[in-house]
Amino acid sequence: MTSDPSTLSMLDSILEHNKHLEQRIVEKQQAIEESTSETEKNNLAAELERLDKMLSSSRQDFERIATGVDISLFTEKKEAPFNWKDELVSLIKPGIMELKQATQKARQKADLKEELSRYQELKPVAHQANENLMALIARTEDARLKERLEKLVPEWKGQERQLLSRLEITQMQLMEMESEEKSILETSQNSIKQFFKTRGLFLFVALIACIGIVLLLRVAYLFLIKRIPGYQSVYRPFHLRAMDLLYRVVSVLSALLAVILVFYLFEDWVLLSLAIIFLLGLAWTVKNTLPRFVHQSRLILNIGAVREGERLVYQGVPWLVKKINFFSVLENPDIGQTLRLPIEELMDLISRPFQKHEPWFPCRKNDWVILSDGTRGCVTSLSHEMVELVLRGGAKKVYQTSDFLGMNPLNLSVNFRIKIGFGISYNLQSIATGRVLEVLDTYLRERLVAEEYEDSLLNLRVEFAQAGSSSLDLVVIADFDGKMAPLYNRISRAIQRWCTDACTANDWEIPFPQLTVHKPAA
């Protein structure tokens, strides 16, 4: 690069600029010695310091352009005292520097463009300032003013020359950078090839080592626990749970250490630095989530608020805790549904022991139920979210499970009772509590046999209910097997019909409500 004519011309320009700066520095030093004002001396000293910095920077530019390398790389660095924070930063520095280096050229090019734009804006301003000074000097006839103006000329001439010099240097740097740039495709191909030859290979080896360690520990763990009594139990004992939790922690730590060891053996400090950054982030996360991790560990060890083999309520439905792990299993025997939940869902729940007779749901699939809103239907679909009923005639009705439970479903599919009340006239008062009950009971049983309901009948009673205002009230109580649940309304209507037929056959009057008006004596 040093043999390039443009480079040699640039070096000559910098030497000329340095010579001018040295001359101005000498002038400022003389002016400081001759000055009698402290304020002026301070201003001159500040100006002298600025010129010194400009001269130092210009000399560095000369040396950098002449050698074609970054001379700051050869600057000897002072050894700093030990500081654990600095040492920690030094461990992760390679990774950060690698990420920074990936965008170094783009950032450097952007900085050069911004610097070039600034110099291009200042160049006409400095030139205009010099022209204004020369015009004023040419027009003035005052010798004192003219002398003062002429003293400003060297300074502003130097300012303009410095801007021109910096502008040329920046342009040359930008041109060199653009000439060295390769096509995006070529750069990408070279980067990919280089990656798979070095760090890609290291990452692959680290992945294999990580998987190998995990598989080896898994085989050893399974070999060990199968020889420990209680492993095949439905609910595992505490020591097996503790071993399982310890195995998981050791597996994670061993896998991480294997990755770090691979990077260390290959002496890839960038990947090692990134791995350390990842571990530091992981440690920070664990620190913030430690109470939650302890809570989860208690659940996994089966010593928390939720325990295996107990009953809990989730989304308004009772569940049996079948298994607690990082993914836990809940089961509802009546619904016939199993849920697989992350352990986080159990952290705010509480389980309890239960008795064998406790129901898990008011009904099961294909059961017939009556709800508090009067709906009667067959349950065709059940879940912890929705319940579907099919009504007589085929219409379907769907409830949210919480709404369904809130309607206190009456399950008819086990056994059910029908109570039918009716009244007879007070003319039958003498036999209402005896013969009427016997005759009606016999008649109803005959009708049940005739219409083939007898096999499902569990119990039948005819009783005297009360002496009403207009009638003597009787009640028929009939208990049926749950298989007759679909005919619940039909049987109710049939019993009312048979009671009416019995009254007709025996000439029993069925009164209607009467209003009695008492007139005072005249």
Protein backbone atom coordinates (compact mmCIF):
# COMPACT_ATOMS: atom_id res chain seq x y z
CA MET A 1 0.00 0.00 0.00
CA THR A 2 2.90 2.39 0.75
CA SER A 3 3.95 2.40 -2.94
CA ASP A 4 0.56 3.76 -4.02
CA PRO A 5 1.03 7.34 -5.39
CA SER A 6 -2.13 8.52 -3.63
CA THR A 7 -0.77 7.20 -0.34
CA LEU A 8 2.56 8.98 -0.82
CA SER A 9 0.71 12.18 -1.66
CA MET A 10 -1.36 11.77 1.47
CA LEU A 11 1.78 11.30 3.59
CA ASP A 12 3.31 14.47 2.09
CA SER A 13 0.12 16.34 2.94
CA ILE A 14 0.20 15.09 6.53
CA LEU A 15 3.89 16.13 6.91
CA GLU A 16 3.06 19.60 5.66
CA HIS A 17 0.13 19.76 8.04
CA ASN A 18 2.32 18.63 10.95
CA LYS A 19 4.89 21.29 10.09
CA HIS A 20 2.21 23.94 10.20
CA LEU A 21 0.91 22.64 13.56
CA GLU A 22 4.43 22.69 15.04
CA GLN A 23 4.83 26.27 13.87
CA ARG A 24 1.54 27.28 15.50
CA ILE A 25 2.54 25.52 18.72
CA VAL A 26 5.76 27.55 18.83
CA GLU A 27 3.78 30.73 18.25
CA LYS A 28 1.38 29.88 21.07
CA GLN A 29 4.27 29.15 23.42
CA GLN A 30 5.86 32.51 22.62
CA ALA A 31 2.52 34.25 23.09
CA ILE A 32 2.16 32.67 26.53
CA GLU A 33 5.61 33.93 27.55
CA GLU A 34 4.87 37.44 26.32
CA SER A 35 1.36 37.69 27.75
CA THR A 36 0.80 39.56 31.03
CA SER A 37 -2.87 38.60 31.50
CA GLU A 38 -3.71 35.42 33.40
CA THR A 39 -6.97 35.00 31.52
CA GLU A 40 -5.19 35.27 28.17
CA LYS A 41 -2.52 32.80 29.34
CA ASN A 42 -5.22 30.29 30.31
CA ASN A 43 -6.91 30.66 26.94
CA LEU A 44 -3.58 30.27 25.13
CA ALA A 45 -2.74 27.21 27.24
CA ALA A 46 -6.04 25.59 26.33
CA GLU A 47 -5.39 26.35 22.67
CA LEU A 48 -1.85 24.97 22.99
CA GLU A 49 -3.22 21.74 24.51
CA ARG A 50 -5.67 21.39 21.64
CA LEU A 51 -2.88 21.85 19.10
CA ASP A 52 -0.74 19.23 20.89
CA LYS A 53 -3.59 16.72 20.65
CA MET A 54 -4.09 17.52 16.96
CA LEU A 55 -0.35 17.07 16.31
CA SER A 56 -0.31 13.74 18.20
CA SER A 57 -3.33 12.50 16.28
CA SER A 58 -1.81 13.60 12.97
CA ARG A 59 1.45 11.80 13.73
CA GLN A 60 -0.50 8.63 14.54
CA ASP A 61 -2.36 8.97 11.23
CA PHE A 62 0.97 9.31 9.43
CA GLU A 63 2.39 6.21 11.08
CA ARG A 64 -0.79 4.19 10.54
CA ILE A 65 -1.02 5.11 6.82
CA ALA A 66 2.70 4.51 6.31
CA THR A 67 2.69 1.07 7.95
CA GLY A 68 -0.76 0.02 6.83
CA VAL A 69 -1.54 -1.56 10.26
CA ASP A 70 -3.24 -0.54 13.49
CA ILE A 71 -0.36 0.69 15.66
CA SER A 72 -2.52 0.60 18.81
CA LEU A 73 -2.05 -3.20 18.81
CA PHE A 74 1.63 -2.67 19.69
CA THR A 75 0.96 -0.33 22.58
CA GLU A 76 2.19 -1.85 25.83
CA LYS A 77 -0.57 -2.20 28.41
CA LYS A 78 -0.04 -1.66 32.12
CA GLU A 79 -0.71 -4.59 34.41
CA ALA A 80 -3.78 -3.87 36.53
CA PRO A 81 -4.22 -5.10 40.15
CA PHE A 82 -6.38 -8.21 40.72
CA ASN A 83 -10.12 -7.60 40.80
CA TRP A 84 -12.59 -10.49 40.82
CA LYS A 85 -15.14 -8.51 38.85
CA ASP A 86 -12.54 -7.77 36.16
CA GLU A 87 -11.52 -11.42 36.13
CA LEU A 88 -15.13 -12.48 35.66
CA VAL A 89 -15.48 -10.01 32.82
CA SER A 90 -12.27 -11.39 31.26
CA LEU A 91 -13.85 -14.87 31.19
CA ILE A 92 -16.85 -13.71 29.20
CA LYS A 93 -14.95 -11.08 27.22
CA PRO A 94 -14.01 -13.41 24.30
CA GLY A 95 -17.63 -14.21 23.63
CA ILE A 96 -18.66 -10.56 23.79
CA MET A 97 -15.73 -9.53 21.58
CA GLU A 98 -16.66 -12.22 19.05
CA LEU A 99 -20.21 -10.92 18.88
CA LYS A 100 -18.88 -7.39 18.62
CA GLN A 101 -16.40 -8.34 15.91
CA ALA A 102 -19.19 -9.81 13.79
CA THR A 103 -20.51 -6.28 13.25
CA GLN A 104 -17.21 -4.42 13.56
CA LYS A 105 -16.75 -3.62 9.89
CA ALA A 106 -20.32 -2.48 9.45
CA ARG A 107 -20.06 -0.21 12.50
CA GLN A 108 -16.64 1.10 11.42
CA LYS A 109 -17.95 1.87 7.94
CA ALA A 110 -20.96 3.68 9.39
CA ASP A 111 -18.67 5.74 11.66
CA LEU A 112 -16.43 6.68 8.71
CA LYS A 113 -19.44 7.77 6.66
CA GLU A 114 -20.70 9.88 9.55
CA GLU A 115 -17.24 11.42 10.03
CA LEU A 116 -16.92 12.09 6.29
CA SER A 117 -20.31 13.80 6.23
CA ARG A 118 -19.28 16.01 9.14
CA TYR A 119 -16.02 17.08 7.49
CA GLN A 120 -17.85 17.82 4.24
CA GLU A 121 -20.22 20.10 6.14
CA LEU A 122 -17.38 21.91 7.95
CA LYS A 123 -15.16 22.34 4.87
CA PRO A 124 -17.20 25.15 3.19
CA VAL A 125 -17.68 26.83 6.57
CA ALA A 126 -13.91 26.99 7.20
CA HIS A 127 -13.29 28.16 3.63
CA GLN A 128 -15.93 30.87 3.99
CA ALA A 129 -14.31 32.00 7.28
CA ASN A 130 -10.92 32.44 5.54
CA GLU A 131 -12.48 34.34 2.64
CA ASN A 132 -14.28 36.63 5.08
CA LEU A 133 -11.00 37.33 6.91
CA MET A 134 -9.12 38.12 3.67
CA ALA A 135 -11.93 40.40 2.50
CA LEU A 136 -11.90 42.33 5.77
CA ILE A 137 -8.09 42.69 5.67
CA ALA A 138 -8.30 44.00 2.10
CA ARG A 139 -10.93 46.59 2.95
CA THR A 140 -9.66 47.93 6.28
CA GLU A 141 -7.33 50.93 6.50
CA ASP A 142 -6.91 50.75 10.27
CA ALA A 143 -3.41 49.35 10.86
CA ARG A 144 -4.23 48.10 14.35
CA LEU A 145 -7.37 46.28 13.19
CA LYS A 146 -5.55 44.91 10.17
CA GLU A 147 -2.77 43.53 12.36
CA ARG A 148 -5.28 41.86 14.64
CA LEU A 149 -7.12 40.29 11.69
CA GLU A 150 -3.87 39.02 10.15
CA LYS A 151 -3.10 37.17 13.38
CA LEU A 152 -6.30 35.12 12.89
CA VAL A 153 -5.40 34.11 9.34
CA PRO A 154 -2.79 31.39 10.20
CA GLU A 155 -5.12 29.80 12.70
CA TRP A 156 -8.07 29.55 10.32
CA LYS A 157 -5.84 28.53 7.41
CA GLY A 158 -4.58 25.71 9.61
CA GLN A 159 -8.13 24.81 10.57
CA GLU A 160 -9.08 24.55 6.88
CA ARG A 161 -5.98 22.51 6.03
CA GLN A 162 -6.67 20.17 8.93
CA LEU A 163 -10.26 19.63 7.75
CA LEU A 164 -9.01 18.92 4.21
CA SER A 165 -6.44 16.50 5.59
CA ARG A 166 -8.95 14.65 7.76
CA LEU A 167 -11.42 14.59 4.87
CA GLU A 168 -8.86 13.00 2.54
CA ILE A 169 -7.79 10.47 5.19
CA THR A 170 -11.39 9.48 5.88
CA GLN A 171 -12.16 9.15 2.18
CA MET A 172 -9.10 6.97 1.66
CA GLN A 173 -10.04 4.72 4.61
CA LEU A 174 -13.59 4.36 3.31
CA MET A 175 -12.35 3.52 -0.19
CA GLU A 176 -9.94 0.92 1.17
CA MET A 177 -12.67 -0.69 3.24
CA GLU A 178 -15.06 -0.81 0.27
CA SER A 179 -12.37 -2.28 -1.98
CA GLU A 180 -11.69 -5.04 0.53
CA GLU A 181 -15.37 -5.98 0.86
CA LYS A 182 -16.41 -9.22 -0.83
CA SER A 183 -19.79 -10.22 -2.08
CA ILE A 184 -22.35 -11.29 0.48
CA LEU A 185 -22.61 -14.78 -1.06
CA GLU A 186 -18.86 -15.32 -1.03
CA THR A 187 -18.55 -14.03 2.51
CA SER A 188 -21.42 -16.25 3.66
CA GLN A 189 -19.95 -19.33 2.00
CA ASN A 190 -16.54 -18.73 3.53
CA SER A 191 -18.08 -18.12 6.95
CA ILE A 192 -20.15 -21.31 6.78
CA LYS A 193 -17.14 -23.38 5.65
CA GLN A 194 -14.99 -21.93 8.40
CA PHE A 195 -17.73 -22.49 10.98
CA PHE A 196 -18.12 -26.20 10.18
CA LYS A 197 -14.36 -26.68 10.19
CA THR A 198 -13.93 -25.18 13.64
CA ARG A 199 -16.75 -24.17 15.94
CA GLY A 200 -19.39 -26.22 14.17
CA LEU A 201 -17.29 -29.30 14.79
CA PHE A 202 -16.74 -28.32 18.43
CA LEU A 203 -20.46 -27.80 18.94
CA PHE A 204 -21.23 -31.18 17.36
CA VAL A 205 -18.72 -32.92 19.65
CA ALA A 206 -20.17 -31.07 22.66
CA LEU A 207 -23.68 -32.17 21.67
CA ILE A 208 -22.57 -35.80 21.33
CA ALA A 209 -20.81 -35.62 24.70
CA CYS A 210 -23.91 -34.11 26.31
CA ILE A 211 -26.24 -36.79 24.88
CA GLY A 212 -23.75 -39.53 25.77
CA ILE A 213 -23.51 -38.41 29.40
CA VAL A 214 -27.31 -38.21 29.74
CA LEU A 215 -27.83 -41.66 28.20
CA LEU A 216 -25.07 -43.20 30.33
CA LEU A 217 -26.57 -41.78 33.51
CA ARG A 218 -30.04 -42.91 32.43
CA VAL A 219 -28.93 -46.51 31.87
CA ALA A 220 -27.05 -46.57 35.17
CA TYR A 221 -30.05 -45.11 37.02
CA LEU A 222 -32.52 -47.62 35.55
CA PHE A 223 -30.13 -50.48 36.33
CA LEU A 224 -29.91 -49.28 39.93
CA ILE A 225 -33.54 -48.56 40.78
CA LYS A 226 -34.88 -51.80 39.30
CA ARG A 227 -32.95 -53.61 41.97
CA ILE A 228 -34.38 -51.52 44.79
CA PRO A 229 -37.62 -52.81 46.39
CA GLY A 230 -40.67 -50.62 45.92
CA TYR A 231 -39.86 -49.30 42.45
CA GLN A 232 -42.86 -51.06 40.87
CA SER A 233 -45.28 -49.79 43.55
CA VAL A 234 -48.25 -47.71 42.46
CA TYR A 235 -47.12 -44.92 44.79
CA ARG A 236 -43.34 -44.89 45.15
CA PRO A 237 -41.70 -44.41 48.57
CA PHE A 238 -39.82 -41.27 49.55
CA HIS A 239 -36.27 -42.59 49.01
CA LEU A 240 -37.03 -43.51 45.39
CA ARG A 241 -38.50 -40.09 44.76
CA ALA A 242 -35.41 -38.44 46.29
CA MET A 243 -33.18 -40.58 44.08
CA ASP A 244 -35.20 -39.60 41.01
CA LEU A 245 -34.91 -35.89 41.81
CA LEU A 246 -31.16 -36.23 42.51
CA TYR A 247 -30.70 -38.09 39.23
CA ARG A 248 -32.33 -35.27 37.28
CA VAL A 249 -30.19 -32.58 38.94
CA VAL A 250 -26.99 -34.59 38.40
CA SER A 251 -27.92 -35.22 34.76
CA VAL A 252 -28.36 -31.52 34.04
CA LEU A 253 -25.13 -30.52 35.81
CA SER A 254 -23.14 -33.33 34.17
CA ALA A 255 -24.39 -32.38 30.70
CA LEU A 256 -23.39 -28.73 31.25
CA LEU A 257 -19.98 -29.68 32.59
CA ALA A 258 -19.43 -32.00 29.61
CA VAL A 259 -20.09 -29.13 27.20
CA ILE A 260 -17.69 -26.82 29.06
CA LEU A 261 -15.01 -29.53 29.18
CA VAL A 262 -15.23 -30.07 25.40
CA PHE A 263 -14.80 -26.35 24.72
CA TYR A 264 -11.87 -26.23 27.16
CA LEU A 265 -10.09 -29.22 25.56
CA PHE A 266 -10.49 -27.70 22.09
CA GLU A 267 -9.25 -24.35 23.52
CA ASP A 268 -12.10 -22.43 21.93
CA TRP A 269 -12.32 -19.57 24.37
CA VAL A 270 -15.17 -17.90 22.51
CA LEU A 271 -17.50 -20.90 22.88
CA LEU A 272 -16.27 -21.39 26.43
CA SER A 273 -17.02 -17.75 27.17
CA LEU A 274 -20.53 -18.06 25.69
CA ALA A 275 -21.10 -21.23 27.75
CA ILE A 276 -20.05 -19.37 30.90
CA ILE A 277 -22.41 -16.52 30.02
CA PHE A 278 -25.20 -19.10 29.63
CA LEU A 279 -24.35 -20.66 33.01
CA LEU A 280 -24.33 -17.25 34.68
CA GLY A 281 -27.76 -16.52 33.23
CA LEU A 282 -28.97 -19.93 34.34
CA ALA A 283 -27.61 -19.33 37.85
CA TRP A 284 -29.36 -15.96 37.99
CA THR A 285 -32.63 -17.55 36.88
CA VAL A 286 -32.31 -20.32 39.47
CA LYS A 287 -31.60 -17.74 42.15
CA ASN A 288 -34.78 -15.83 41.37
CA THR A 289 -36.89 -18.99 41.10
CA LEU A 290 -35.37 -20.88 44.04
CA PRO A 291 -38.51 -20.72 46.28
CA ARG A 292 -40.62 -22.02 43.40
CA PHE A 293 -38.08 -24.79 42.71
CA VAL A 294 -38.15 -25.82 46.39
CA HIS A 295 -41.97 -25.95 46.27
CA GLN A 296 -41.86 -28.13 43.15
CA SER A 297 -39.25 -30.39 44.75
CA ARG A 298 -41.52 -30.92 47.75
CA LEU A 299 -44.34 -31.94 45.42
CA ILE A 300 -42.10 -34.37 43.52
CA LEU A 301 -40.93 -35.87 46.81
CA ASN A 302 -44.63 -36.31 47.74
CA ILE A 303 -44.29 -34.22 50.90
CA GLY A 304 -46.07 -31.10 49.62
CA ALA A 305 -49.65 -29.85 49.74
CA VAL A 306 -50.65 -32.25 46.94
CA ARG A 307 -49.84 -35.96 47.32
CA GLU A 308 -50.29 -39.07 45.24
CA GLY A 309 -53.34 -41.20 46.01
CA GLU A 310 -55.31 -38.28 47.42
CA ARG A 311 -58.24 -36.25 46.14
CA LEU A 312 -58.15 -32.63 44.94
CA VAL A 313 -60.51 -30.26 43.16
CA TYR A 314 -59.30 -28.82 39.84
CA GLN A 315 -61.56 -26.57 37.73
CA GLY A 316 -64.49 -27.43 40.01
CA VAL A 317 -64.20 -31.22 39.48
CA PRO A 318 -62.75 -33.77 41.94
CA TRP A 319 -59.65 -35.67 40.73
CA LEU A 320 -57.55 -38.57 41.97
CA VAL A 321 -53.82 -37.74 42.00
CA LYS A 322 -52.33 -40.74 40.18
CA LYS A 323 -48.78 -39.48 39.65
CA ILE A 324 -46.75 -36.40 40.59
CA ASN A 325 -43.79 -35.50 38.40
CA PHE A 326 -42.73 -32.64 36.17
CA PHE A 327 -45.85 -33.65 34.24
CA SER A 328 -48.44 -35.00 36.68
CA VAL A 329 -51.42 -37.27 36.01
CA LEU A 330 -54.92 -36.71 37.43
CA GLU A 331 -57.82 -39.11 36.95
CA ASN A 332 -61.58 -38.99 37.48
CA PRO A 333 -63.08 -42.52 37.58
CA ASP A 334 -66.68 -41.42 36.97
CA ILE A 335 -65.94 -39.10 34.06
CA GLY A 336 -63.47 -41.61 32.65
CA GLN A 337 -60.97 -38.86 31.88
CA THR A 338 -57.25 -38.46 32.58
CA LEU A 339 -55.42 -35.12 32.66
CA ARG A 340 -51.69 -34.57 32.12
CA LEU A 341 -50.71 -31.33 33.81
CA PRO A 342 -47.38 -29.52 34.30
CA ILE A 343 -46.37 -29.49 37.94
CA GLU A 344 -46.81 -25.69 38.05
CA GLU A 345 -50.60 -26.24 37.91
CA LEU A 346 -50.49 -28.17 41.21
CA MET A 347 -48.56 -25.57 43.18
CA ASP A 348 -51.62 -23.64 44.34
CA LEU A 349 -53.80 -26.72 45.00
CA ILE A 350 -54.36 -28.87 48.12
CA SER A 351 -55.25 -32.56 48.19
CA ARG A 352 -56.79 -34.66 50.98
CA PRO A 353 -57.41 -38.32 51.82
CA PHE A 354 -60.84 -39.63 50.80
CA GLN A 355 -63.28 -42.43 51.64
CA LYS A 356 -64.22 -45.17 49.20
CA HIS A 357 -67.90 -44.18 49.16
CA GLU A 358 -67.19 -40.56 48.08
CA PRO A 359 -68.54 -39.86 44.57
CA TRP A 360 -66.25 -38.39 41.88
CA PHE A 361 -69.11 -36.91 39.84
CA PRO A 362 -72.92 -36.82 40.17
CA CYS A 363 -73.35 -39.04 37.12
CA ARG A 364 -71.63 -41.12 34.49
CA LYS A 365 -72.01 -41.45 30.76
CA ASN A 366 -75.45 -42.82 29.71
CA ASP A 367 -77.02 -41.90 33.06
CA TRP A 368 -80.37 -40.10 33.14
CA VAL A 369 -80.55 -36.94 35.22
CA ILE A 370 -83.05 -34.23 36.15
CA LEU A 371 -81.67 -30.71 36.69
CA SER A 372 -83.04 -27.97 38.87
CA ASP A 373 -84.27 -26.10 35.78
CA GLY A 374 -86.53 -29.11 34.98
CA THR A 375 -84.38 -30.50 32.16
CA ARG A 376 -84.37 -34.31 31.97
CA GLY A 377 -81.99 -36.12 29.66
CA CYS A 378 -79.38 -38.80 29.11
CA VAL A 379 -75.72 -37.86 29.62
CA THR A 380 -73.90 -38.64 26.35
CA SER A 381 -70.65 -36.72 26.87
CA LEU A 382 -68.70 -35.85 30.02
CA SER A 383 -65.55 -33.84 30.70
CA HIS A 384 -64.27 -31.26 33.18
CA GLU A 385 -65.25 -28.62 30.60
CA MET A 386 -68.64 -29.58 29.09
CA VAL A 387 -71.59 -31.94 29.75
CA GLU A 388 -73.93 -32.91 26.92
CA LEU A 389 -77.49 -34.17 27.48
CA VAL A 390 -79.78 -35.81 24.94
CA LEU A 391 -83.44 -35.13 25.73
CA ARG A 392 -86.40 -37.35 24.87
CA GLY A 393 -87.03 -36.85 21.19
CA GLY A 394 -83.33 -36.49 20.33
CA ALA A 395 -82.67 -32.82 21.10
CA LYS A 396 -79.25 -32.07 22.58
CA LYS A 397 -78.42 -29.62 25.33
CA VAL A 398 -74.87 -28.67 26.40
CA TYR A 399 -73.83 -27.18 29.74
CA GLN A 400 -70.53 -25.95 31.04
CA THR A 401 -69.52 -28.40 33.76
CA SER A 402 -69.56 -25.71 36.47
CA ASP A 403 -73.13 -24.70 35.46
CA PHE A 404 -74.19 -28.35 35.30
CA LEU A 405 -72.96 -29.01 38.82
CA GLY A 406 -74.64 -25.82 40.02
CA MET A 407 -78.02 -27.22 38.94
CA ASN A 408 -77.83 -30.08 41.47
CA PRO A 409 -78.39 -32.95 38.99
CA LEU A 410 -80.69 -35.72 40.26
CA ASN A 411 -79.37 -39.07 38.99
CA LEU A 412 -82.21 -41.47 38.06
CA SER A 413 -80.02 -44.28 36.76
CA VAL A 414 -79.37 -46.01 40.09
CA ASN A 415 -82.91 -46.07 41.58
CA PHE A 416 -85.62 -43.44 41.64
CA ARG A 417 -88.89 -42.72 43.42
CA ILE A 418 -92.16 -41.34 42.05
CA LYS A 419 -94.67 -39.70 44.43
CA ILE A 420 -98.16 -39.04 43.11
CA GLY A 421 -100.73 -37.29 45.27
CA PHE A 422 -104.52 -37.07 44.68
CA GLY A 423 -107.62 -36.43 46.73
CA ILE A 424 -110.98 -38.15 47.41
CA SER A 425 -114.22 -36.71 48.71
CA TYR A 426 -115.01 -36.32 52.40
CA ASN A 427 -117.95 -38.62 51.75
CA LEU A 428 -115.41 -41.47 51.97
CA GLN A 429 -114.04 -40.34 55.28
CA SER A 430 -115.02 -43.56 57.07
CA ILE A 431 -112.98 -45.79 54.73
CA ALA A 432 -110.33 -43.31 53.55
CA THR A 433 -107.63 -44.58 55.91
CA GLY A 434 -108.39 -48.30 55.53
CA ARG A 435 -110.31 -49.95 52.73
CA VAL A 436 -109.59 -47.23 50.14
CA LEU A 437 -105.85 -47.66 50.63
CA GLU A 438 -106.08 -51.46 50.31
CA VAL A 439 -108.22 -51.38 47.19
CA LEU A 440 -106.05 -48.75 45.52
CA ASP A 441 -102.85 -50.68 46.33
CA THR A 442 -104.28 -53.88 44.83
CA TYR A 443 -105.51 -52.06 41.73
CA LEU A 444 -102.15 -50.38 41.12
CA ARG A 445 -100.24 -53.63 41.42
CA GLU A 446 -102.56 -55.26 38.91
CA ARG A 447 -101.98 -52.44 36.45
CA LEU A 448 -98.19 -52.60 36.95
CA VAL A 449 -98.30 -56.29 36.10
CA ALA A 450 -100.61 -55.73 33.12
CA GLU A 451 -98.34 -53.06 31.61
CA GLU A 452 -95.13 -55.00 32.41
CA TYR A 453 -93.64 -52.63 35.00
CA GLU A 454 -93.63 -55.20 37.80
CA ASP A 455 -90.07 -56.49 37.18
CA SER A 456 -88.64 -53.01 37.68
CA LEU A 457 -90.78 -52.15 40.70
CA LEU A 458 -88.79 -52.15 43.95
CA ASN A 459 -91.43 -50.87 46.33
CA LEU A 460 -95.05 -49.63 46.26
CA ARG A 461 -96.97 -47.93 49.06
CA VAL A 462 -100.31 -46.14 49.17
CA GLU A 463 -100.64 -43.89 52.21
CA PHE A 464 -102.99 -41.30 53.66
CA ALA A 465 -101.28 -37.94 53.37
CA GLN A 466 -103.59 -35.37 55.03
CA ALA A 467 -107.11 -34.02 55.42
CA GLY A 468 -107.14 -31.12 53.02
CA SER A 469 -109.50 -28.19 52.87
CA SER A 470 -111.58 -29.74 50.06
CA SER A 471 -110.46 -33.37 49.99
CA LEU A 472 -108.87 -36.25 51.80
CA ASP A 473 -105.36 -36.41 50.26
CA LEU A 474 -103.66 -39.71 49.49
CA VAL A 475 -100.12 -40.34 48.15
CA VAL A 476 -98.75 -43.17 46.01
CA ILE A 477 -95.04 -43.88 46.54
CA ALA A 478 -93.38 -46.10 43.92
CA ASP A 479 -89.66 -47.00 43.78
CA PHE A 480 -88.23 -48.28 40.49
CA ASP A 481 -84.96 -49.70 39.23
CA GLY A 482 -82.65 -47.22 37.44
CA LYS A 483 -83.07 -48.97 34.09
CA MET A 484 -86.56 -47.44 33.92
CA ALA A 485 -85.14 -43.89 34.12
CA PRO A 486 -85.90 -43.13 30.43
CA LEU A 487 -89.64 -43.79 31.22
CA TYR A 488 -89.73 -41.58 34.32
CA ASN A 489 -92.42 -39.19 33.04
CA ARG A 490 -94.39 -41.97 31.35
CA ILE A 491 -94.63 -43.94 34.60
CA SER A 492 -95.66 -40.78 36.50
CA ARG A 493 -98.49 -40.17 34.06
CA ALA A 494 -99.50 -43.86 34.17
CA ILE A 495 -99.82 -43.88 37.99
CA GLN A 496 -102.02 -40.77 37.84
CA ARG A 497 -104.15 -42.45 35.19
CA TRP A 498 -104.47 -45.66 37.24
CA CYS A 499 -105.50 -43.70 40.34
CA THR A 500 -108.21 -41.99 38.32
CA ASP A 501 -109.37 -45.33 36.86
CA ALA A 502 -109.52 -46.87 40.36
CA CYS A 503 -111.74 -44.03 41.62
CA THR A 504 -114.02 -44.47 38.63
CA ALA A 505 -114.23 -48.25 39.07
CA ASN A 506 -115.10 -47.94 42.77
CA ASP A 507 -117.37 -44.90 42.41
CA TRP A 508 -115.09 -42.71 44.52
CA GLU A 509 -115.68 -39.02 44.04
CA ILE A 510 -112.64 -36.88 43.22
CA PRO A 511 -113.53 -33.41 44.50
CA PHE A 512 -112.39 -30.11 43.09
CA PRO A 513 -111.39 -27.10 45.21
CA GLN A 514 -114.45 -25.41 46.70
CA LEU A 515 -115.05 -22.00 48.17
CA THR A 516 -117.46 -21.95 51.15
CA VAL A 517 -119.22 -18.67 51.95
CA HIS A 518 -120.76 -18.30 55.42
CA LYS A 519 -123.71 -15.89 55.62
CA PRO A 520 -124.53 -14.35 58.97
CA ALA A 521 -127.92 -15.16 60.42
CA ALA A 522 -130.65 -12.64 59.62
